[in-house]
N, C-alpha and C. Protein backbone atom coordinates (compact mmCIF):
# COMPACT_ATOMS: atom_id res chain seq x y z
N MET A 1 137.07 127.23 82.81
CA MET A 1 136.69 125.86 82.52
C MET A 1 136.09 125.19 83.76
N ASP A 2 136.70 125.40 84.91
CA ASP A 2 136.20 124.81 86.15
C ASP A 2 134.81 125.32 86.49
N GLU A 3 134.56 126.57 86.14
CA GLU A 3 133.24 127.16 86.40
C GLU A 3 132.15 126.42 85.62
N ASN A 4 132.44 126.02 84.39
CA ASN A 4 131.47 125.28 83.58
C ASN A 4 131.19 123.91 84.18
N LYS A 5 132.24 123.26 84.71
CA LYS A 5 132.06 121.96 85.34
C LYS A 5 131.18 122.08 86.58
N VAL A 6 131.40 123.12 87.35
CA VAL A 6 130.61 123.35 88.56
C VAL A 6 129.15 123.58 88.18
N ILE A 7 128.93 124.39 87.17
CA ILE A 7 127.56 124.66 86.73
C ILE A 7 126.91 123.38 86.21
N GLN A 8 127.66 122.59 85.45
CA GLN A 8 127.13 121.33 84.92
C GLN A 8 126.77 120.37 86.06
N LYS A 9 127.62 120.28 87.05
CA LYS A 9 127.33 119.42 88.21
C LYS A 9 126.11 119.91 88.97
N LEU A 10 125.96 121.21 89.12
CA LEU A 10 124.79 121.75 89.80
C LEU A 10 123.51 121.41 89.04
N VAL A 11 123.56 121.50 87.73
CA VAL A 11 122.40 121.15 86.91
C VAL A 11 122.08 119.67 87.06
N GLU A 12 123.10 118.81 87.03
CA GLU A 12 122.89 117.37 87.21
C GLU A 12 122.29 117.07 88.57
N MET A 13 122.80 117.70 89.61
CA MET A 13 122.28 117.46 90.96
C MET A 13 120.84 117.96 91.09
N ASP A 14 120.55 119.07 90.45
CA ASP A 14 119.18 119.60 90.48
C ASP A 14 118.22 118.63 89.80
N GLU A 15 118.64 118.04 88.69
CA GLU A 15 117.80 117.06 88.00
C GLU A 15 117.58 115.82 88.86
N LYS A 16 118.63 115.38 89.53
CA LYS A 16 118.50 114.22 90.41
C LYS A 16 117.57 114.50 91.58
N LEU A 17 117.68 115.69 92.14
CA LEU A 17 116.81 116.06 93.27
C LEU A 17 115.34 116.10 92.84
N GLY A 18 115.10 116.44 91.61
CA GLY A 18 113.73 116.46 91.10
C GLY A 18 113.12 115.07 91.05
N ARG A 19 113.95 114.04 90.96
CA ARG A 19 113.45 112.66 90.89
C ARG A 19 113.35 111.99 92.26
N VAL A 20 113.90 112.61 93.28
CA VAL A 20 113.88 112.03 94.62
C VAL A 20 112.46 112.14 95.20
N ALA A 21 112.02 111.07 95.82
CA ALA A 21 110.68 111.05 96.42
C ALA A 21 110.62 112.02 97.60
N THR A 22 109.53 112.71 97.70
CA THR A 22 109.34 113.62 98.83
C THR A 22 108.74 112.86 100.01
N GLN A 23 108.80 113.44 101.17
CA GLN A 23 108.23 112.81 102.37
C GLN A 23 106.73 112.62 102.20
N GLU A 24 106.08 113.61 101.58
CA GLU A 24 104.63 113.53 101.38
C GLU A 24 104.27 112.37 100.46
N SER A 25 105.02 112.18 99.39
CA SER A 25 104.72 111.07 98.48
C SER A 25 105.01 109.73 99.15
N MET A 26 106.05 109.69 99.98
CA MET A 26 106.36 108.45 100.69
C MET A 26 105.28 108.14 101.73
N ASP A 27 104.78 109.16 102.42
CA ASP A 27 103.70 108.95 103.39
C ASP A 27 102.45 108.43 102.69
N LYS A 28 102.13 108.98 101.53
CA LYS A 28 100.96 108.54 100.79
C LYS A 28 101.12 107.08 100.37
N ARG A 29 102.28 106.74 99.86
CA ARG A 29 102.54 105.36 99.43
C ARG A 29 102.49 104.40 100.62
N PHE A 30 103.03 104.83 101.76
CA PHE A 30 103.00 104.00 102.96
C PHE A 30 101.56 103.74 103.38
N GLU A 31 100.71 104.76 103.32
CA GLU A 31 99.29 104.59 103.65
C GLU A 31 98.62 103.61 102.72
N GLU A 32 98.94 103.67 101.42
CA GLU A 32 98.36 102.75 100.45
C GLU A 32 98.77 101.31 100.76
N VAL A 33 100.03 101.12 101.06
CA VAL A 33 100.53 99.77 101.37
C VAL A 33 99.89 99.27 102.66
N THR A 34 99.80 100.12 103.67
CA THR A 34 99.20 99.74 104.94
C THR A 34 97.74 99.36 104.76
N GLN A 35 97.01 100.13 103.97
CA GLN A 35 95.60 99.85 103.72
C GLN A 35 95.44 98.51 102.99
N THR A 36 96.29 98.25 102.03
CA THR A 36 96.24 96.99 101.30
C THR A 36 96.50 95.82 102.24
N LEU A 37 97.50 95.94 103.10
CA LEU A 37 97.81 94.86 104.04
C LEU A 37 96.67 94.66 105.05
N ASP A 38 96.04 95.74 105.50
CA ASP A 38 94.90 95.64 106.40
C ASP A 38 93.75 94.89 105.72
N ASN A 39 93.49 95.22 104.46
CA ASN A 39 92.42 94.53 103.72
C ASN A 39 92.73 93.05 103.55
N GLN A 40 93.97 92.71 103.27
CA GLN A 40 94.34 91.31 103.12
C GLN A 40 94.21 90.57 104.45
N THR A 41 94.54 91.23 105.55
CA THR A 41 94.41 90.62 106.87
C THR A 41 92.95 90.30 107.17
N ILE A 42 92.07 91.22 106.83
CA ILE A 42 90.63 91.00 107.05
C ILE A 42 90.15 89.79 106.24
N ILE A 43 90.58 89.72 104.99
CA ILE A 43 90.18 88.60 104.13
C ILE A 43 90.71 87.29 104.69
N LEU A 44 91.96 87.27 105.13
CA LEU A 44 92.54 86.04 105.67
C LEU A 44 91.84 85.60 106.96
N LYS A 45 91.46 86.54 107.80
CA LYS A 45 90.74 86.18 109.03
C LYS A 45 89.39 85.56 108.68
N ARG A 46 88.71 86.14 107.71
CA ARG A 46 87.40 85.61 107.31
C ARG A 46 87.54 84.20 106.72
N LEU A 47 88.56 84.01 105.89
CA LEU A 47 88.79 82.69 105.31
C LEU A 47 89.11 81.66 106.39
N ASP A 48 89.87 82.07 107.38
CA ASP A 48 90.21 81.15 108.47
C ASP A 48 88.97 80.77 109.26
N GLN A 49 88.09 81.74 109.51
CA GLN A 49 86.84 81.45 110.21
C GLN A 49 85.97 80.50 109.40
N GLU A 50 85.88 80.74 108.09
CA GLU A 50 85.09 79.87 107.22
C GLU A 50 85.66 78.45 107.23
N ARG A 51 86.99 78.35 107.22
CA ARG A 51 87.63 77.03 107.25
C ARG A 51 87.28 76.29 108.54
N LEU A 52 87.31 76.99 109.67
CA LEU A 52 86.99 76.35 110.95
C LEU A 52 85.53 75.91 111.00
N PHE A 53 84.63 76.77 110.54
CA PHE A 53 83.22 76.40 110.53
C PHE A 53 82.97 75.21 109.61
N MET A 54 83.63 75.21 108.46
CA MET A 54 83.46 74.11 107.52
C MET A 54 84.00 72.81 108.10
N LEU A 55 85.11 72.87 108.79
CA LEU A 55 85.68 71.68 109.43
C LEU A 55 84.71 71.10 110.45
N GLU A 56 84.13 71.95 111.27
CA GLU A 56 83.15 71.49 112.26
C GLU A 56 81.92 70.89 111.59
N ARG A 57 81.48 71.51 110.51
CA ARG A 57 80.31 71.00 109.78
C ARG A 57 80.61 69.62 109.21
N VAL A 58 81.79 69.45 108.65
CA VAL A 58 82.17 68.15 108.09
C VAL A 58 82.22 67.10 109.19
N LYS A 59 82.73 67.46 110.37
CA LYS A 59 82.77 66.52 111.49
C LYS A 59 81.36 66.08 111.87
N ARG A 60 80.41 67.05 111.89
CA ARG A 60 79.03 66.70 112.23
C ARG A 60 78.40 65.80 111.18
N ILE A 61 78.67 66.08 109.94
CA ILE A 61 78.13 65.25 108.85
C ILE A 61 78.72 63.85 108.92
N GLU A 62 80.00 63.74 109.17
CA GLU A 62 80.65 62.43 109.29
C GLU A 62 80.06 61.65 110.46
N ALA A 63 79.79 62.36 111.55
CA ALA A 63 79.19 61.69 112.71
C ALA A 63 77.78 61.20 112.37
N ASP A 64 77.02 62.01 111.64
CA ASP A 64 75.69 61.59 111.22
C ASP A 64 75.74 60.39 110.29
N VAL A 65 76.71 60.38 109.39
CA VAL A 65 76.85 59.27 108.45
C VAL A 65 77.26 58.01 109.21
N ALA A 66 78.11 58.16 110.21
CA ALA A 66 78.57 57.00 110.99
C ALA A 66 77.42 56.38 111.77
N THR A 67 76.44 57.18 112.17
CA THR A 67 75.31 56.63 112.92
C THR A 67 74.33 55.90 112.01
N LEU A 68 74.37 56.20 110.72
CA LEU A 68 73.48 55.51 109.78
C LEU A 68 74.02 54.16 109.51
């Protein structure tokens, strides 16, 4: 009877190991996440630059309007 329990536990553990992520799959997922974050950083930097340029442009327009 104990032998059957041992075999059953081994089968259960084997099934669980089949679902565990491998190092290769984790590395691939990490690269995907890193690439996504890099792309978002680029977009945020560009938006920040656009915001600064727009702020300066508005200041110049306000100065022009004030002189009129």
